[in-house]
Protein backbone atom coordinates (compact mmCIF):
# COMPACT_ATOMS: atom_id res chain seq x y z
CA PHE A 1 -19.69 -16.45 -7.23
CA GLY A 2 -18.16 -19.36 -9.26
CA ARG A 3 -18.26 -17.46 -12.37
CA HIS A 4 -17.49 -13.88 -13.67
CA LEU A 5 -18.87 -11.40 -16.19
CA PRO A 6 -16.84 -11.02 -19.58
CA ASP A 7 -14.35 -8.17 -19.32
CA THR A 8 -16.02 -6.51 -22.32
CA ASP A 9 -19.41 -6.14 -20.23
CA LEU A 10 -17.49 -4.61 -17.34
CA HIS A 11 -15.43 -2.26 -19.69
CA ARG A 12 -18.69 -1.17 -21.32
CA LEU A 13 -20.24 -0.37 -18.01
CA LEU A 14 -17.19 1.49 -16.64
CA SER A 15 -16.92 3.38 -19.81
CA SER A 16 -20.46 4.59 -19.66
CA ALA A 17 -20.23 5.69 -15.95
CA VAL A 18 -16.94 7.63 -16.74
CA ALA A 19 -18.51 9.29 -19.88
CA ALA A 20 -21.34 10.68 -17.67
CA ALA A 21 -18.95 11.92 -14.91
CA PRO A 22 -16.73 14.99 -14.36
CA PRO A 23 -13.20 14.61 -15.80
CA ASP A 24 -11.72 13.93 -12.25
CA VAL A 25 -13.44 11.34 -9.97
CA SER A 26 -12.89 8.07 -8.20
CA VAL A 27 -14.54 4.99 -9.67
CA MET A 28 -15.57 1.84 -7.73
CA CYS A 29 -17.11 -1.34 -9.36
CA PHE A 30 -19.16 -3.70 -7.18
CA LEU A 31 -20.34 -6.96 -8.15
CA SER A 32 -23.35 -8.86 -6.42
CA ALA A 33 -25.24 -12.03 -7.08
CA ARG A 34 -28.86 -12.79 -7.23
CA PRO A 35 -30.74 -14.44 -5.34
CA GLY A 36 -28.43 -12.75 -2.88
CA GLU A 37 -27.15 -13.54 0.52
CA PHE A 38 -28.28 -16.64 2.78
CA LEU A 39 -30.06 -18.24 -0.27
CA PRO A 40 -28.61 -21.19 -2.23
CA ALA A 41 -27.49 -20.26 -5.87
CA GLY A 42 -28.65 -22.43 -8.75
CA ASP A 43 -27.12 -22.90 -12.11
CA ASP A 44 -28.82 -19.75 -13.37
CA LEU A 45 -26.83 -17.30 -11.02
CA ASP A 46 -27.19 -13.72 -12.26
CA ILE A 47 -24.42 -11.12 -11.49
CA ASP A 48 -25.22 -7.45 -11.04
CA VAL A 49 -22.87 -4.52 -11.39
CA LEU A 50 -23.06 -1.39 -9.53
CA ILE A 51 -20.73 1.38 -10.65
CA LYS A 52 -20.11 4.23 -8.00
CA ILE A 53 -18.73 7.66 -9.03
CA THR A 54 -17.27 9.83 -6.19
CA ASP A 55 -15.23 12.79 -5.72
CA PRO A 56 -11.54 12.01 -6.19
CA ALA A 57 -10.05 10.39 -3.11
CA THR A 58 -7.81 12.47 -0.92
CA PRO A 59 -5.06 10.44 1.00
CA PRO A 60 -3.84 11.60 4.32
CA THR A 61 -0.68 13.83 4.16
CA ASP A 62 0.78 13.38 7.50
CA PRO A 63 2.55 10.26 8.87
CA MET A 64 0.12 7.76 10.23
CA THR A 65 0.01 5.78 13.55
CA LEU A 66 -1.45 2.51 13.66
CA ASP A 67 -3.02 0.44 16.41
CA VAL A 68 -2.13 -3.30 16.50
CA VAL A 69 -5.21 -5.57 16.35
CA PRO A 70 -5.30 -9.46 16.29
CA TYR A 71 -7.52 -10.17 13.38
CA GLU A 72 -7.52 -12.29 10.22
CA ARG A 73 -9.95 -11.37 7.57
CA HIS A 74 -12.28 -14.02 5.98
CA LEU A 75 -11.07 -14.75 2.41
CA PRO A 76 -8.39 -12.42 2.70
CA GLY A 77 -7.21 -12.81 -0.88
CA VAL A 78 -10.59 -11.63 -2.27
CA LYS A 79 -11.69 -8.05 -2.39
CA HIS A 80 -15.01 -8.13 -0.94
CA VAL A 81 -17.71 -6.03 1.05
CA GLY A 82 -18.26 -8.23 4.10
CA GLU A 83 -15.77 -6.24 6.19
CA VAL A 84 -17.62 -4.67 9.20
CA ALA A 85 -14.85 -5.70 11.43
CA LYS A 86 -12.45 -3.18 9.48
CA THR A 87 -14.66 -0.38 10.07
CA GLN A 88 -15.07 -1.31 13.80
CA TYR A 89 -11.22 -1.58 14.35
CA LEU A 90 -10.75 1.75 12.46
CA ARG A 91 -13.10 3.53 14.90
CA ARG A 92 -11.64 1.82 17.87
CA ALA A 93 -8.19 2.74 16.93
CA ARG A 94 -9.27 6.37 16.36
CA ALA A 95 -10.88 6.48 19.91
CA ARG A 96 -7.50 5.02 21.23
CA GLY A 97 -5.57 7.94 19.65
CA PHE A 98 -4.31 6.32 16.53
CA ASP A 99 -5.06 7.14 12.92
CA ASP A 100 -5.97 3.49 11.89
CA ALA A 101 -5.30 -0.06 12.79
CA ALA A 102 -2.83 -2.84 11.56
CA PHE A 103 -3.59 -6.41 11.73
CA VAL A 104 -1.57 -9.41 13.22
CA ASP A 105 -2.51 -13.02 12.57
CA ALA A 106 -2.64 -15.79 14.85
CA ASN A 107 1.11 -16.34 14.52
CA GLY A 108 1.88 -12.75 15.47
CA ARG A 109 2.83 -11.47 11.88
CA LEU A 110 1.59 -8.25 10.68
CA SER A 111 -0.41 -8.75 7.57
CA GLU A 112 -2.14 -5.47 6.33
CA ALA A 113 -4.06 -2.48 7.74
CA THR A 114 -7.89 -1.78 7.44
CA ILE A 115 -7.86 -0.66 3.72
CA TRP A 116 -4.27 -0.58 3.27
CA ASN A 117 -1.26 -2.78 2.33
CA LEU A 118 2.00 -2.31 4.35
CA ALA A 119 5.51 -2.18 3.22
CA PHE A 120 8.68 -1.81 5.03
CA THR A 121 12.34 -1.19 4.42
CA ASP A 122 15.54 -1.58 6.44
CA GLY A 123 17.44 0.72 4.07
CA HIS A 124 18.59 -2.09 1.79
CA SER A 125 15.30 -3.86 0.79
CA VAL A 126 11.63 -3.37 0.40
CA ILE A 127 10.05 -5.74 2.78
CA TRP A 128 6.63 -7.18 2.21
CA PRO A 129 4.72 -8.81 5.17
CA GLU A 130 4.57 -12.62 4.91
CA ALA A 131 0.98 -13.46 6.00
CA ALA A 132 -2.46 -14.14 4.40
CA LYS A 133 -3.66 -10.63 3.09
CA LEU A 134 -5.19 -8.99 0.17
CA ASP A 135 -2.43 -8.07 -2.39
CA GLY A 136 -3.88 -4.88 -3.61
CA VAL A 137 -3.63 -3.56 -7.18
CA THR A 138 -1.29 -0.63 -6.09
CA MET A 139 0.93 -3.21 -4.18
CA ARG A 140 0.96 -5.46 -7.27
CA ILE A 141 2.06 -2.51 -9.63
CA LEU A 142 4.73 -1.55 -7.17
CA GLN A 143 6.27 -5.03 -6.92
CA ARG A 144 6.29 -5.08 -10.74
CA GLN A 145 7.97 -1.89 -11.41
CA LEU A 146 10.36 -2.23 -8.54
CA ALA A 147 11.34 -5.63 -10.01
CA ARG A 148 11.89 -3.97 -13.57
CA SER A 149 14.07 -1.31 -11.90
CA GLY A 150 16.12 -3.82 -9.92
CA VAL A 151 15.19 -2.85 -6.41
CA GLU A 152 15.62 -5.81 -4.13
CA GLN A 153 12.46 -6.98 -2.63
CA VAL A 154 11.87 -9.73 0.05
CA THR A 155 8.87 -11.16 1.56
CA ARG A 156 9.21 -12.22 5.27
CA PRO A 157 7.33 -12.34 8.56
CA VAL A 158 7.39 -8.98 10.25
CA ARG A 159 6.26 -8.86 13.94
CA PRO A 160 5.51 -5.94 16.13
CA ALA A 161 8.41 -6.78 18.57
CA GLU A 162 11.01 -6.19 15.99
CA LEU A 163 9.94 -2.71 14.87
CA ASP A 164 12.15 0.11 15.83
CA GLU A 165 13.72 3.08 14.05
CA SER A 166 15.82 0.93 11.91
CA LEU A 167 12.84 0.08 9.77
CA SER A 168 10.56 2.52 7.95
CA ALA A 169 7.09 1.78 6.81
CA VAL A 170 4.43 3.06 4.52
CA LEU A 171 0.69 2.38 3.81
CA MET A 172 -0.63 2.01 0.32
CA ASN A 173 -3.83 1.69 -1.43
CA SER A 174 -5.64 3.17 -4.72
CA TRP A 175 -5.43 6.63 -3.00
CA SER A 176 -1.61 6.52 -2.84
CA PRO A 177 1.48 4.34 -3.46
CA GLY A 178 3.02 5.40 -0.14
CA ILE A 179 1.92 7.15 3.02
CA PRO A 180 4.48 7.22 5.86
CA VAL A 181 3.81 5.35 9.07
CA ALA A 182 5.23 6.97 12.29
CA ARG A 183 4.47 4.46 14.71
CA ILE A 184 2.82 1.03 14.97
CA GLY A 185 1.45 0.24 18.38
CA GLU A 186 4.05 1.54 20.86
CA HIS A 187 6.93 1.13 18.36
CA THR A 188 8.40 4.24 16.73
CA LEU A 189 9.57 3.83 13.26
CA GLY A 190 12.36 5.62 11.22
CA ASN A 191 11.67 8.16 8.70
CA ALA A 192 10.01 6.95 5.50
CA ASP A 193 10.61 9.81 3.01
CA GLY A 194 13.13 7.73 0.99
CA LEU A 195 10.70 4.76 0.83
CA VAL A 196 7.90 7.08 -0.16
CA ARG A 197 9.87 8.69 -3.07
CA LEU A 198 10.92 5.22 -4.25
CA LEU A 199 7.45 4.01 -4.28
CA ALA A 200 6.10 7.00 -5.87
CA ASP A 201 8.52 6.71 -8.73
CA ALA A 202 7.84 3.16 -9.28
CA TYR A 203 4.09 3.88 -9.31
CA ALA A 204 4.76 6.67 -11.82
CA ALA A 205 6.60 4.20 -14.04
CA GLU A 206 3.54 2.01 -14.54
CA PRO A 207 1.91 2.84 -17.96
CA ALA A 208 -1.61 4.52 -17.81
CA LEU A 209 -4.53 2.47 -19.21
CA ALA A 210 -7.49 4.22 -20.73
CA VAL A 211 -11.08 3.06 -19.84
CA PRO A 212 -11.94 1.14 -23.14
CA ALA A 213 -14.67 2.92 -25.01
CA SER A 214 -18.27 1.61 -24.91
């Protein structure tokens, strides 16, 4: 929106919402700007905040299968709600017998999945796909903690044609630091249990932060 609210304001609103909620919940924070979409904004732009409290998210427990979809998100580096295509591709993937969808860009590189980041391993390094994508909070936590523990990480193009059982893959988002991926498109991947454990340990090493008091 060209400007942001002070962190103290967001902390106050989050704290107020959490204080009124049960002890175990999922919390989402949405920002929107007045006068809204399809209208020009002047210098007196107002930002509204919506805090959404829901039941705790429950991540999938079984290995996932991903359809491969040519798609590049608008403003991939920004987390935003203009994502109707992601829901469409998720539902198409389910209709085609997959659990979800992974995206490839115009250069044929895997980037991310609908609401997930992707990570791979060849047994030596954690591999992050090189493509325009949203670097999620969980992904950044894992990169930070893996670096601190000396785990080798590389960022390089990953294309569907190179996928086979020599590579393992996981999905991650705020629900989980690692959900195994059994298959991407028609390519079966290797067992991801070791990568799941590695990422779970890295995530657990991140210090917890309390929501600041209002």
